[in-house]
């Protein structure tokens, strides 16, 4: 299709471009006036028990700590775990982000942490969702060790390293507007060309049918 044919096709289907422009304007309005959201975050560390005469738990490391923590995360991310979280009151957008990067106090890949995030329209609600997820995580952590008859004094426990704290989420409006405009223009032109080709093809088929009769 030449540039001239493209322009003529868009002129013929101007109403499609008008509809796309109206929808793009509606999308831009929501970009400029978005619903205020709050992101709550907390960090839980899987803490091994103190052993022997060494009170610092992190000097007695065991790969089982990371394995157990990740096993619990997999349970919560499975369909049954998602259903359990929903039943417990977890709703909206949330994330479970396992981290084993390590710090000066927690060596990498040995003392795992879990970052829990929740994005909600209400900051109190966002904090509550994070607390609920942590509660279910600790419940599974205990249940797995109970099934294996691990003594309470030797159990791995979930310790709250960073308490839930909600903060408003601010997006970049300029990027949102550019993305909305580009998407609206692309879909508008694509829709106009597709409709023009379909209508011209139908007209040609009708003409052939009349000539045949």
N, C-alpha and C. Protein backbone atom coordinates (compact mmCIF):
# COMPACT_ATOMS: atom_id res chain seq x y z
N UNK A 1 0.86 -1.20 0.00
CA UNK A 1 0.00 0.00 0.00
C UNK A 1 0.89 1.24 0.00
N UNK A 2 0.64 2.13 -0.98
CA UNK A 2 1.42 3.36 -1.10
C UNK A 2 0.96 4.38 -0.06
N UNK A 3 1.76 5.41 0.20
CA UNK A 3 1.34 6.45 1.15
C UNK A 3 0.02 7.12 0.76
N UNK A 4 -0.17 7.32 -0.56
CA UNK A 4 -1.41 7.93 -1.03
C UNK A 4 -2.62 7.04 -0.72
N UNK A 5 -2.48 5.75 -0.99
CA UNK A 5 -3.57 4.82 -0.71
C UNK A 5 -3.86 4.76 0.78
N UNK A 6 -2.81 4.85 1.59
CA UNK A 6 -2.99 4.84 3.04
C UNK A 6 -3.79 6.04 3.49
N UNK A 7 -3.45 7.22 2.97
CA UNK A 7 -4.17 8.44 3.35
C UNK A 7 -5.62 8.36 2.91
N UNK A 8 -5.88 7.87 1.70
CA UNK A 8 -7.26 7.78 1.21
C UNK A 8 -8.07 6.79 2.05
N UNK A 9 -7.44 5.68 2.44
CA UNK A 9 -8.15 4.70 3.27
C UNK A 9 -8.51 5.29 4.63
N UNK A 10 -7.60 6.06 5.20
CA UNK A 10 -7.88 6.69 6.50
C UNK A 10 -8.95 7.76 6.39
N UNK A 11 -8.97 8.46 5.26
CA UNK A 11 -10.03 9.46 5.05
C UNK A 11 -11.39 8.80 4.93
N UNK A 12 -11.44 7.65 4.25
CA UNK A 12 -12.72 6.96 4.09
C UNK A 12 -13.23 6.45 5.44
N UNK A 13 -12.36 6.05 6.29
CA UNK A 13 -12.77 5.49 7.60
C UNK A 13 -12.42 6.45 8.73
N UNK A 14 -12.70 7.72 8.52
CA UNK A 14 -12.38 8.75 9.51
C UNK A 14 -13.09 8.50 10.83
N UNK A 15 -14.28 7.88 10.77
CA UNK A 15 -15.05 7.66 11.99
C UNK A 15 -14.36 6.66 12.93
N UNK A 16 -13.58 5.74 12.34
CA UNK A 16 -12.81 4.81 13.19
C UNK A 16 -11.72 5.58 13.93
N UNK A 17 -11.07 6.50 13.23
CA UNK A 17 -10.04 7.32 13.87
C UNK A 17 -10.64 8.21 14.95
N UNK A 18 -11.86 8.70 14.71
CA UNK A 18 -12.52 9.53 15.71
C UNK A 18 -12.83 8.73 16.97
N UNK A 19 -13.33 7.51 16.76
CA UNK A 19 -13.62 6.64 17.91
C UNK A 19 -12.35 6.32 18.69
N UNK A 20 -11.25 6.05 17.97
CA UNK A 20 -9.97 5.77 18.64
C UNK A 20 -9.49 6.98 19.42
N UNK A 21 -9.71 8.18 18.85
CA UNK A 21 -9.29 9.40 19.54
C UNK A 21 -10.08 9.61 20.83
N UNK A 22 -11.38 9.31 20.79
CA UNK A 22 -12.21 9.45 22.00
C UNK A 22 -11.78 8.45 23.07
N UNK A 23 -11.51 7.22 22.66
CA UNK A 23 -11.06 6.22 23.62
C UNK A 23 -9.69 6.57 24.19
N UNK A 24 -8.83 7.13 23.35
CA UNK A 24 -7.50 7.55 23.82
C UNK A 24 -7.63 8.69 24.83
N UNK A 25 -8.54 9.61 24.56
CA UNK A 25 -8.76 10.72 25.49
C UNK A 25 -9.27 10.22 26.83
N UNK A 26 -10.16 9.22 26.79
CA UNK A 26 -10.65 8.63 28.04
C UNK A 26 -9.51 7.96 28.81
N UNK A 27 -8.63 7.26 28.08
CA UNK A 27 -7.49 6.64 28.73
C UNK A 27 -6.54 7.67 29.32
N UNK A 28 -6.33 8.77 28.59
CA UNK A 28 -5.45 9.83 29.09
C UNK A 28 -6.02 10.47 30.36
N UNK A 29 -7.34 10.56 30.44
CA UNK A 29 -7.96 11.13 31.64
C UNK A 29 -7.64 10.27 32.86
N UNK A 30 -7.69 8.96 32.69
CA UNK A 30 -7.38 8.06 33.81
C UNK A 30 -5.90 8.10 34.17
N UNK A 31 -5.05 8.38 33.17
CA UNK A 31 -3.63 8.51 33.46
C UNK A 31 -3.38 9.76 34.29
N UNK A 32 -4.08 10.86 33.95
CA UNK A 32 -3.89 12.11 34.67
C UNK A 32 -4.55 12.10 36.05
N UNK A 33 -5.60 11.32 36.20
CA UNK A 33 -6.29 11.23 37.49
C UNK A 33 -6.41 9.76 37.91
N UNK A 34 -5.28 9.15 38.22
CA UNK A 34 -5.31 7.72 38.57
C UNK A 34 -5.87 7.49 39.97
N UNK A 35 -6.33 6.28 40.22
CA UNK A 35 -6.76 5.91 41.57
C UNK A 35 -5.53 5.80 42.46
N UNK A 36 -5.57 6.49 43.60
CA UNK A 36 -4.43 6.47 44.50
C UNK A 36 -4.25 5.09 45.11
N UNK A 37 -3.04 4.54 44.96
CA UNK A 37 -2.73 3.23 45.51
C UNK A 37 -1.60 3.37 46.53
N UNK A 38 -1.58 2.41 47.47
CA UNK A 38 -0.55 2.39 48.50
C UNK A 38 0.15 1.03 48.48
N UNK A 39 1.47 1.06 48.55
CA UNK A 39 2.27 -0.16 48.54
C UNK A 39 2.82 -0.41 49.94
N UNK A 40 2.45 -1.55 50.49
CA UNK A 40 2.96 -1.96 51.79
C UNK A 40 3.99 -3.06 51.60
N UNK A 41 5.10 -2.97 52.35
CA UNK A 41 6.15 -3.96 52.22
C UNK A 41 6.63 -4.42 53.60
N UNK A 42 7.01 -5.67 53.69
CA UNK A 42 7.59 -6.23 54.91
C UNK A 42 8.58 -7.31 54.51
N UNK A 43 9.51 -7.59 55.39
CA UNK A 43 10.53 -8.61 55.13
C UNK A 43 10.54 -9.60 56.29
N UNK A 44 10.46 -10.89 55.93
CA UNK A 44 10.50 -11.96 56.92
C UNK A 44 11.77 -12.77 56.67
N UNK A 45 12.47 -13.10 57.74
CA UNK A 45 13.67 -13.92 57.62
C UNK A 45 13.40 -15.28 58.25
N UNK A 46 13.83 -16.35 57.56
CA UNK A 46 13.73 -17.70 58.11
C UNK A 46 14.91 -17.90 59.05
N UNK A 47 14.64 -17.93 60.33
CA UNK A 47 15.69 -17.90 61.34
C UNK A 47 15.95 -19.28 61.91
N UNK A 48 17.18 -19.78 61.79
CA UNK A 48 17.50 -21.10 62.35
C UNK A 48 17.61 -21.02 63.87
N UNK A 49 17.49 -22.14 64.56
CA UNK A 49 17.58 -22.13 66.03
C UNK A 49 19.02 -21.95 66.50
N UNK A 50 19.18 -21.43 67.71
CA UNK A 50 20.50 -21.36 68.33
C UNK A 50 20.90 -22.76 68.75
N UNK A 51 22.16 -23.12 68.52
CA UNK A 51 22.61 -24.46 68.87
C UNK A 51 23.86 -24.38 69.74
N UNK A 52 24.03 -25.37 70.60
CA UNK A 52 25.21 -25.44 71.46
C UNK A 52 25.33 -24.24 72.36
N UNK A 53 26.55 -23.78 72.53
CA UNK A 53 26.77 -22.62 73.39
C UNK A 53 26.92 -21.34 72.59
N UNK A 54 26.49 -21.37 71.31
CA UNK A 54 26.59 -20.21 70.45
C UNK A 54 25.22 -19.56 70.32
N UNK A 55 25.02 -18.38 70.93
CA UNK A 55 23.70 -17.74 70.88
C UNK A 55 23.34 -17.13 69.53
N UNK A 56 24.34 -16.91 68.69
CA UNK A 56 24.07 -16.31 67.38
C UNK A 56 23.64 -17.41 66.41
N UNK A 57 22.35 -17.40 66.03
CA UNK A 57 21.82 -18.45 65.16
C UNK A 57 22.50 -18.49 63.80
N UNK A 58 22.99 -17.35 63.35
CA UNK A 58 23.49 -17.27 61.98
C UNK A 58 24.91 -17.83 61.84
N UNK A 59 25.52 -18.26 62.93
CA UNK A 59 26.83 -18.90 62.81
C UNK A 59 26.70 -20.39 62.60
N UNK A 60 25.51 -20.93 62.77
CA UNK A 60 25.25 -22.35 62.57
C UNK A 60 24.31 -22.53 61.39
N UNK A 61 24.85 -22.38 60.20
CA UNK A 61 24.02 -22.34 59.00
C UNK A 61 23.76 -23.72 58.46
N UNK A 62 22.61 -23.85 57.81
CA UNK A 62 22.24 -25.13 57.24
C UNK A 62 21.43 -24.87 55.99
N UNK A 63 21.77 -25.53 54.85
CA UNK A 63 20.99 -25.31 53.61
C UNK A 63 19.51 -25.60 53.78
N UNK A 64 19.14 -26.40 54.80
CA UNK A 64 17.74 -26.73 55.01
C UNK A 64 16.90 -25.47 55.24
N UNK A 65 17.50 -24.43 55.80
CA UNK A 65 16.76 -23.19 56.07
C UNK A 65 16.21 -22.61 54.77
N UNK A 66 17.08 -22.46 53.77
CA UNK A 66 16.65 -21.92 52.48
C UNK A 66 15.67 -22.84 51.79
N UNK A 67 15.92 -24.14 51.86
CA UNK A 67 15.03 -25.12 51.22
C UNK A 67 13.64 -25.08 51.82
N UNK A 68 13.57 -25.03 53.14
CA UNK A 68 12.27 -25.01 53.82
C UNK A 68 11.50 -23.74 53.49
N UNK A 69 12.19 -22.60 53.54
CA UNK A 69 11.52 -21.34 53.25
C UNK A 69 10.97 -21.31 51.83
N UNK A 70 11.78 -21.76 50.86
CA UNK A 70 11.32 -21.74 49.48
C UNK A 70 10.19 -22.74 49.25
N UNK A 71 10.23 -23.86 49.99
CA UNK A 71 9.12 -24.82 49.90
C UNK A 71 7.81 -24.21 50.34
N UNK A 72 7.85 -23.40 51.40
CA UNK A 72 6.64 -22.73 51.87
C UNK A 72 6.16 -21.72 50.83
N UNK A 73 7.08 -20.98 50.23
CA UNK A 73 6.71 -20.00 49.20
C UNK A 73 6.03 -20.69 48.02
N UNK A 74 6.57 -21.85 47.62
CA UNK A 74 5.95 -22.59 46.52
C UNK A 74 4.54 -23.04 46.89
N UNK A 75 4.34 -23.43 48.14
CA UNK A 75 3.00 -23.81 48.59
C UNK A 75 2.03 -22.64 48.47
N UNK A 76 2.47 -21.46 48.86
CA UNK A 76 1.59 -20.29 48.84
C UNK A 76 1.32 -19.80 47.42
N UNK A 77 2.24 -20.09 46.50
CA UNK A 77 2.05 -19.66 45.12
C UNK A 77 1.28 -20.68 44.28
N UNK A 78 1.11 -21.90 44.81
CA UNK A 78 0.32 -22.92 44.13
C UNK A 78 -1.16 -22.55 44.19
N UNK A 79 -1.99 -23.11 43.30
CA UNK A 79 -3.43 -22.78 43.31
C UNK A 79 -4.08 -22.98 44.68
N UNK A 80 -3.72 -24.05 45.38
CA UNK A 80 -4.29 -24.30 46.71
C UNK A 80 -3.86 -23.22 47.69
N UNK A 81 -2.60 -22.77 47.57
CA UNK A 81 -2.11 -21.72 48.45
C UNK A 81 -2.76 -20.39 48.17
N UNK A 82 -2.96 -20.08 46.89
CA UNK A 82 -3.66 -18.83 46.52
C UNK A 82 -5.07 -18.84 47.07
N UNK A 83 -5.75 -19.99 46.96
CA UNK A 83 -7.12 -20.10 47.49
C UNK A 83 -7.12 -19.93 49.01
N UNK A 84 -6.10 -20.48 49.66
CA UNK A 84 -6.01 -20.34 51.12
C UNK A 84 -5.81 -18.88 51.53
N UNK A 85 -4.96 -18.18 50.79
CA UNK A 85 -4.74 -16.76 51.08
C UNK A 85 -6.01 -15.95 50.86
N UNK A 86 -6.74 -16.24 49.78
CA UNK A 86 -7.99 -15.54 49.52
C UNK A 86 -8.98 -15.78 50.66
N UNK A 87 -9.06 -17.04 51.10
CA UNK A 87 -9.98 -17.37 52.18
C UNK A 87 -9.58 -16.67 53.49
N UNK A 88 -8.29 -16.40 53.65
CA UNK A 88 -7.81 -15.74 54.86
C UNK A 88 -8.02 -14.23 54.82
N UNK A 89 -8.43 -13.72 53.65
CA UNK A 89 -8.71 -12.29 53.54
C UNK A 89 -7.75 -11.52 52.66
N UNK A 90 -6.85 -12.24 51.99
CA UNK A 90 -5.90 -11.58 51.09
C UNK A 90 -6.60 -11.28 49.76
N UNK A 91 -6.54 -10.05 49.31
CA UNK A 91 -7.19 -9.66 48.07
C UNK A 91 -6.35 -8.61 47.36
N UNK A 92 -6.75 -8.29 46.16
CA UNK A 92 -6.02 -7.28 45.40
C UNK A 92 -4.67 -7.80 44.91
N UNK A 93 -3.77 -6.87 44.66
CA UNK A 93 -2.45 -7.21 44.11
C UNK A 93 -1.45 -7.43 45.24
N UNK A 94 -0.73 -8.57 45.18
CA UNK A 94 0.30 -8.85 46.17
C UNK A 94 1.42 -9.65 45.52
N UNK A 95 2.59 -9.66 46.15
CA UNK A 95 3.75 -10.38 45.64
C UNK A 95 4.52 -11.02 46.78
N UNK A 96 5.06 -12.20 46.48
CA UNK A 96 5.98 -12.89 47.39
C UNK A 96 7.33 -12.95 46.69
N UNK A 97 8.32 -12.25 47.21
CA UNK A 97 9.61 -12.13 46.54
C UNK A 97 10.70 -12.74 47.43
N UNK A 98 11.14 -13.97 47.14
CA UNK A 98 12.22 -14.56 47.93
C UNK A 98 13.55 -13.91 47.59
N UNK A 99 14.33 -13.63 48.61
CA UNK A 99 15.64 -13.02 48.40
C UNK A 99 16.69 -13.77 49.22
N UNK A 100 17.79 -14.11 48.56
CA UNK A 100 18.90 -14.77 49.23
C UNK A 100 20.21 -14.04 48.94
N UNK A 101 20.12 -12.73 48.75
CA UNK A 101 21.30 -11.97 48.37
C UNK A 101 22.30 -11.85 49.50
N UNK A 102 21.82 -11.89 50.74
CA UNK A 102 22.72 -11.85 51.89
C UNK A 102 23.15 -10.45 52.28
N UNK A 103 23.58 -10.31 53.53
CA UNK A 103 24.11 -9.05 54.06
C UNK A 103 25.34 -9.39 54.89
N UNK A 104 25.86 -8.40 55.60
CA UNK A 104 27.01 -8.67 56.47
C UNK A 104 26.62 -9.60 57.61
N UNK A 105 25.34 -9.61 57.97
CA UNK A 105 24.88 -10.47 59.06
C UNK A 105 24.27 -11.78 58.56
N UNK A 106 23.79 -11.79 57.31
CA UNK A 106 23.15 -13.00 56.77
C UNK A 106 23.81 -13.36 55.45
N UNK A 107 24.73 -14.32 55.44
CA UNK A 107 25.44 -14.70 54.21
C UNK A 107 24.49 -15.13 53.10
N UNK A 108 24.91 -14.89 51.87
CA UNK A 108 24.05 -15.19 50.72
C UNK A 108 23.77 -16.67 50.58
N UNK A 109 22.55 -16.98 50.12
CA UNK A 109 22.08 -18.34 49.83
C UNK A 109 22.05 -19.26 51.05
N UNK A 110 22.12 -18.69 52.25
CA UNK A 110 22.09 -19.53 53.44
C UNK A 110 21.00 -19.09 54.41
N UNK A 111 20.81 -17.80 54.55
CA UNK A 111 19.73 -17.29 55.39
C UNK A 111 18.75 -16.56 54.49
N UNK A 112 17.68 -17.20 54.08
CA UNK A 112 16.76 -16.59 53.11
C UNK A 112 15.80 -15.59 53.77
N UNK A 113 15.45 -14.58 53.01
CA UNK A 113 14.42 -13.64 53.44
C UNK A 113 13.30 -13.64 52.41
N UNK A 114 12.14 -13.25 52.86
CA UNK A 114 10.97 -13.16 51.98
C UNK A 114 10.41 -11.74 52.07
N UNK A 115 10.38 -11.06 50.92
CA UNK A 115 9.79 -9.73 50.86
C UNK A 115 8.34 -9.87 50.42
N UNK A 116 7.44 -9.37 51.25
CA UNK A 116 6.00 -9.45 50.97
C UNK A 116 5.51 -8.04 50.61
N UNK A 117 4.81 -7.93 49.49
CA UNK A 117 4.28 -6.65 49.03
C UNK A 117 2.78 -6.75 48.76
N UNK A 118 2.09 -5.66 49.03
CA UNK A 118 0.66 -5.59 48.71
C UNK A 118 0.32 -4.18 48.27
N UNK A 119 -0.44 -4.08 47.19
CA UNK A 119 -0.84 -2.78 46.64
C UNK A 119 -2.35 -2.65 46.75
N UNK A 120 -2.80 -1.68 47.54
CA UNK A 120 -4.23 -1.51 47.81
C UNK A 120 -4.60 -0.02 47.78
N UNK A 121 -5.88 0.29 47.59
CA UNK A 121 -6.31 1.70 47.61
C UNK A 121 -6.24 2.32 49.00
N UNK A 122 -6.22 1.50 50.06
CA UNK A 122 -6.20 1.99 51.43
C UNK A 122 -4.91 1.54 52.12
N UNK A 123 -4.16 2.44 52.77
CA UNK A 123 -2.89 2.05 53.39
C UNK A 123 -3.06 1.05 54.52
N UNK A 124 -4.12 1.20 55.32
CA UNK A 124 -4.37 0.27 56.42
C UNK A 124 -4.67 -1.12 55.87
N UNK A 125 -5.45 -1.16 54.80
CA UNK A 125 -5.79 -2.42 54.15
C UNK A 125 -4.55 -3.09 53.58
N UNK A 126 -3.65 -2.28 53.00
CA UNK A 126 -2.42 -2.83 52.42
C UNK A 126 -1.55 -3.47 53.51
N UNK A 127 -1.43 -2.79 54.65
CA UNK A 127 -0.65 -3.35 55.77
C UNK A 127 -1.28 -4.64 56.29
N UNK A 128 -2.61 -4.66 56.35
CA UNK A 128 -3.30 -5.83 56.87
C UNK A 128 -3.11 -7.04 55.97
N UNK A 129 -3.14 -6.82 54.66
CA UNK A 129 -2.93 -7.92 53.71
C UNK A 129 -1.53 -8.51 53.89
N UNK A 130 -0.54 -7.64 54.05
CA UNK A 130 0.84 -8.12 54.26
C UNK A 130 0.93 -8.93 55.55
N UNK A 131 0.32 -8.45 56.61
CA UNK A 131 0.33 -9.19 57.88
C UNK A 131 -0.35 -10.54 57.75
N UNK A 132 -1.44 -10.59 57.01
CA UNK A 132 -2.15 -11.86 56.81
C UNK A 132 -1.28 -12.86 56.06
N UNK A 133 -0.59 -12.40 55.01
CA UNK A 133 0.29 -13.28 54.24
C UNK A 133 1.41 -13.82 55.12
N UNK A 134 1.98 -12.96 55.94
CA UNK A 134 3.06 -13.39 56.83
C UNK A 134 2.55 -14.42 57.83
N UNK A 135 1.32 -14.21 58.32
CA UNK A 135 0.73 -15.17 59.24
C UNK A 135 0.55 -16.54 58.61
N UNK A 136 0.09 -16.58 57.36
CA UNK A 136 -0.09 -17.85 56.66
C UNK A 136 1.27 -18.49 56.37
N UNK A 137 2.26 -17.67 56.03
CA UNK A 137 3.63 -18.18 55.80
C UNK A 137 4.16 -18.86 57.05
N UNK A 138 4.05 -18.20 58.20
CA UNK A 138 4.53 -18.79 59.45
C UNK A 138 3.75 -20.05 59.82
N UNK A 139 2.46 -20.06 59.50
CA UNK A 139 1.64 -21.23 59.77
C UNK A 139 2.14 -22.44 58.98
N UNK A 140 2.47 -22.23 57.70
CA UNK A 140 2.98 -23.32 56.87
C UNK A 140 4.38 -23.74 57.33
N UNK A 141 5.18 -22.77 57.75
CA UNK A 141 6.52 -23.07 58.23
C UNK A 141 6.46 -24.00 59.44
N UNK A 142 5.51 -23.72 60.33
CA UNK A 142 5.34 -24.55 61.53
C UNK A 142 4.77 -25.92 61.16
N UNK A 143 3.78 -25.93 60.26
CA UNK A 143 3.11 -27.19 59.90
C UNK A 143 4.08 -28.18 59.25
N UNK A 144 4.97 -27.70 58.38
CA UNK A 144 5.91 -28.59 57.71
C UNK A 144 6.86 -29.25 58.73
N UNK A 145 7.28 -28.48 59.71
CA UNK A 145 8.19 -29.03 60.72
C UNK A 145 7.45 -29.93 61.71
N UNK A 146 6.19 -29.63 61.96
CA UNK A 146 5.39 -30.49 62.83
C UNK A 146 5.19 -31.86 62.19
N UNK A 147 4.97 -31.87 60.88
CA UNK A 147 4.81 -33.13 60.16
C UNK A 147 6.05 -34.01 60.26
N UNK A 148 7.22 -33.38 60.37
CA UNK A 148 8.48 -34.13 60.45
C UNK A 148 8.94 -34.35 61.89
N UNK A 149 8.07 -34.02 62.85
CA UNK A 149 8.37 -34.20 64.27
C UNK A 149 9.65 -33.49 64.70
N UNK A 150 9.84 -32.30 64.19
CA UNK A 150 11.00 -31.50 64.59
C UNK A 150 10.73 -30.91 65.97
N UNK A 151 11.62 -31.09 66.94
CA UNK A 151 11.41 -30.52 68.28
C UNK A 151 11.28 -29.00 68.21
N UNK A 152 10.45 -28.44 69.07
CA UNK A 152 10.21 -26.99 69.04
C UNK A 152 11.49 -26.19 69.23
N UNK A 153 12.38 -26.70 70.07
CA UNK A 153 13.63 -25.98 70.32
C UNK A 153 14.56 -25.97 69.11
N UNK A 154 14.32 -26.85 68.16
CA UNK A 154 15.20 -26.98 66.99
C UNK A 154 14.53 -26.49 65.71
N UNK A 155 13.41 -25.80 65.84
CA UNK A 155 12.66 -25.40 64.65
C UNK A 155 13.15 -24.08 64.05
N UNK A 156 12.98 -24.00 62.74
CA UNK A 156 13.22 -22.75 62.01
C UNK A 156 11.95 -21.91 62.14
N UNK A 157 12.11 -20.65 62.47
CA UNK A 157 10.95 -19.78 62.66
C UNK A 157 11.05 -18.56 61.75
N UNK A 158 9.90 -17.98 61.46
CA UNK A 158 9.86 -16.77 60.67
C UNK A 158 9.92 -15.55 61.56
N UNK A 159 10.94 -14.72 61.37
CA UNK A 159 11.12 -13.53 62.19
C UNK A 159 10.90 -12.29 61.32
N UNK A 160 10.11 -11.36 61.82
CA UNK A 160 9.81 -10.14 61.06
C UNK A 160 11.00 -9.20 61.12
N UNK A 161 11.69 -9.08 59.98
CA UNK A 161 12.88 -8.24 59.90
C UNK A 161 12.52 -6.78 59.66
N UNK A 162 11.54 -6.54 58.79
CA UNK A 162 11.05 -5.19 58.49
C UNK A 162 9.53 -5.21 58.59
N UNK A 163 8.97 -4.40 59.47
CA UNK A 163 7.52 -4.38 59.68
C UNK A 163 6.79 -3.77 58.48
N UNK A 164 5.51 -4.16 58.28
CA UNK A 164 4.74 -3.59 57.16
C UNK A 164 4.65 -2.08 57.26
N UNK A 165 4.86 -1.42 56.15
CA UNK A 165 4.79 0.03 56.09
C UNK A 165 4.27 0.45 54.73
N UNK A 166 3.11 1.11 54.69
CA UNK A 166 2.48 1.50 53.42
C UNK A 166 2.92 2.90 53.01
N UNK A 167 3.16 3.08 51.74
CA UNK A 167 3.54 4.38 51.17
C UNK A 167 2.80 4.57 49.86
N UNK A 168 2.42 5.81 49.54
CA UNK A 168 1.71 6.04 48.28
C UNK A 168 2.56 5.71 47.07
N UNK A 169 1.90 5.22 46.02
CA UNK A 169 2.58 4.87 44.77
C UNK A 169 2.37 6.00 43.78
N UNK A 170 3.47 6.53 43.27
CA UNK A 170 3.39 7.61 42.29
C UNK A 170 3.97 7.13 40.97
N UNK A 171 3.16 7.17 39.92
CA UNK A 171 3.63 6.80 38.60
C UNK A 171 4.12 8.02 37.83
N UNK A 172 4.73 7.79 36.68
CA UNK A 172 5.19 8.88 35.81
C UNK A 172 4.10 9.17 34.79
N UNK A 173 3.41 10.31 34.96
CA UNK A 173 2.27 10.62 34.10
C UNK A 173 2.69 10.86 32.65
N UNK A 174 3.85 11.46 32.45
CA UNK A 174 4.28 11.76 31.07
C UNK A 174 4.46 10.47 30.28
N UNK A 175 5.06 9.46 30.90
CA UNK A 175 5.24 8.18 30.21
C UNK A 175 3.89 7.52 29.93
N UNK A 176 2.99 7.63 30.90
CA UNK A 176 1.67 7.05 30.70
C UNK A 176 0.92 7.71 29.55
N UNK A 177 1.04 9.04 29.44
CA UNK A 177 0.37 9.76 28.36
C UNK A 177 0.96 9.38 27.00
N UNK A 178 2.28 9.29 26.93
CA UNK A 178 2.92 8.92 25.66
C UNK A 178 2.51 7.51 25.25
N UNK A 179 2.53 6.59 26.21
CA UNK A 179 2.13 5.22 25.91
C UNK A 179 0.69 5.12 25.45
N UNK A 180 -0.20 5.88 26.12
CA UNK A 180 -1.62 5.87 25.74
C UNK A 180 -1.81 6.44 24.34
N UNK A 181 -1.10 7.54 24.03
CA UNK A 181 -1.23 8.16 22.71
C UNK A 181 -0.72 7.24 21.61
N UNK A 182 0.41 6.60 21.83
CA UNK A 182 0.98 5.71 20.82
C UNK A 182 0.07 4.50 20.59
N UNK A 183 -0.41 3.93 21.69
CA UNK A 183 -1.29 2.76 21.56
C UNK A 183 -2.60 3.14 20.86
N UNK A 184 -3.17 4.29 21.22
CA UNK A 184 -4.41 4.73 20.59
C UNK A 184 -4.25 4.98 19.10
N UNK A 185 -3.13 5.63 18.71
CA UNK A 185 -2.89 5.92 17.30
C UNK A 185 -2.68 4.62 16.51
N UNK A 186 -1.92 3.72 17.07
CA UNK A 186 -1.64 2.45 16.38
C UNK A 186 -2.91 1.65 16.17
N UNK A 187 -3.70 1.49 17.24
CA UNK A 187 -4.93 0.70 17.12
C UNK A 187 -5.94 1.41 16.22
N UNK A 188 -5.98 2.74 16.26
CA UNK A 188 -6.91 3.48 15.40
C UNK A 188 -6.60 3.28 13.93
N UNK A 189 -5.32 3.44 13.56
CA UNK A 189 -4.92 3.26 12.16
C UNK A 189 -5.12 1.81 11.73
N UNK A 190 -4.73 0.88 12.59
CA UNK A 190 -4.89 -0.53 12.25
C UNK A 190 -6.37 -0.89 12.06
N UNK A 191 -7.23 -0.39 12.94
CA UNK A 191 -8.66 -0.68 12.81
C UNK A 191 -9.27 -0.06 11.57
N UNK A 192 -8.84 1.16 11.25
CA UNK A 192 -9.37 1.83 10.05
C UNK A 192 -8.96 1.09 8.78
N UNK A 193 -7.70 0.66 8.71
CA UNK A 193 -7.23 -0.06 7.51
C UNK A 193 -7.91 -1.41 7.38
N UNK A 194 -8.07 -2.10 8.51
CA UNK A 194 -8.74 -3.41 8.44
C UNK A 194 -10.18 -3.27 7.99
N UNK A 195 -10.91 -2.29 8.53
CA UNK A 195 -12.31 -2.09 8.16
C UNK A 195 -12.43 -1.67 6.70
N UNK A 196 -11.52 -0.80 6.25
CA UNK A 196 -11.56 -0.36 4.85
C UNK A 196 -11.34 -1.53 3.91
N UNK A 197 -10.38 -2.37 4.22
CA UNK A 197 -10.12 -3.52 3.36
C UNK A 197 -11.29 -4.49 3.37
N UNK A 198 -11.90 -4.69 4.52
CA UNK A 198 -13.03 -5.62 4.61
C UNK A 198 -14.24 -5.11 3.83
N UNK A 199 -14.53 -3.80 3.96
CA UNK A 199 -15.69 -3.23 3.25
C UNK A 199 -15.47 -3.21 1.74
N UNK A 200 -14.24 -2.88 1.31
CA UNK A 200 -13.97 -2.89 -0.12
C UNK A 200 -14.04 -4.31 -0.69
N UNK A 201 -13.56 -5.27 0.07
CA UNK A 201 -13.65 -6.65 -0.37
C UNK A 201 -15.09 -7.12 -0.47
N UNK A 202 -15.92 -6.73 0.50
CA UNK A 202 -17.33 -7.13 0.45
C UNK A 202 -18.03 -6.48 -0.74
N UNK A 203 -17.67 -5.21 -1.01
CA UNK A 203 -18.28 -4.54 -2.16
C UNK A 203 -17.88 -5.22 -3.47
N UNK A 204 -16.62 -5.65 -3.56
CA UNK A 204 -16.16 -6.32 -4.78
C UNK A 204 -16.87 -7.66 -4.96
N UNK A 205 -17.08 -8.38 -3.86
CA UNK A 205 -17.76 -9.66 -3.95
C UNK A 205 -19.21 -9.48 -4.40
N UNK A 206 -19.85 -8.45 -3.88
CA UNK A 206 -21.23 -8.16 -4.30
C UNK A 206 -21.29 -7.83 -5.79
N UNK A 207 -20.28 -7.06 -6.28
CA UNK A 207 -20.27 -6.68 -7.70
C UNK A 207 -20.12 -7.91 -8.58
N UNK A 208 -19.26 -8.84 -8.17
CA UNK A 208 -19.09 -10.06 -8.96
C UNK A 208 -20.35 -10.89 -8.96
N UNK A 209 -21.08 -10.90 -7.85
CA UNK A 209 -22.31 -11.69 -7.76
C UNK A 209 -23.38 -11.11 -8.70
N UNK A 210 -23.46 -9.75 -8.77
CA UNK A 210 -24.45 -9.11 -9.65
C UNK A 210 -24.13 -9.41 -11.11
N UNK A 211 -22.84 -9.34 -11.47
CA UNK A 211 -22.45 -9.62 -12.85
C UNK A 211 -22.72 -11.07 -13.24
N UNK A 212 -22.54 -11.96 -12.28
CA UNK A 212 -22.78 -13.39 -12.56
C UNK A 212 -24.23 -13.69 -12.81
N UNK A 213 -25.12 -12.93 -12.17
CA UNK A 213 -26.55 -13.17 -12.35
C UNK A 213 -27.07 -12.46 -13.58
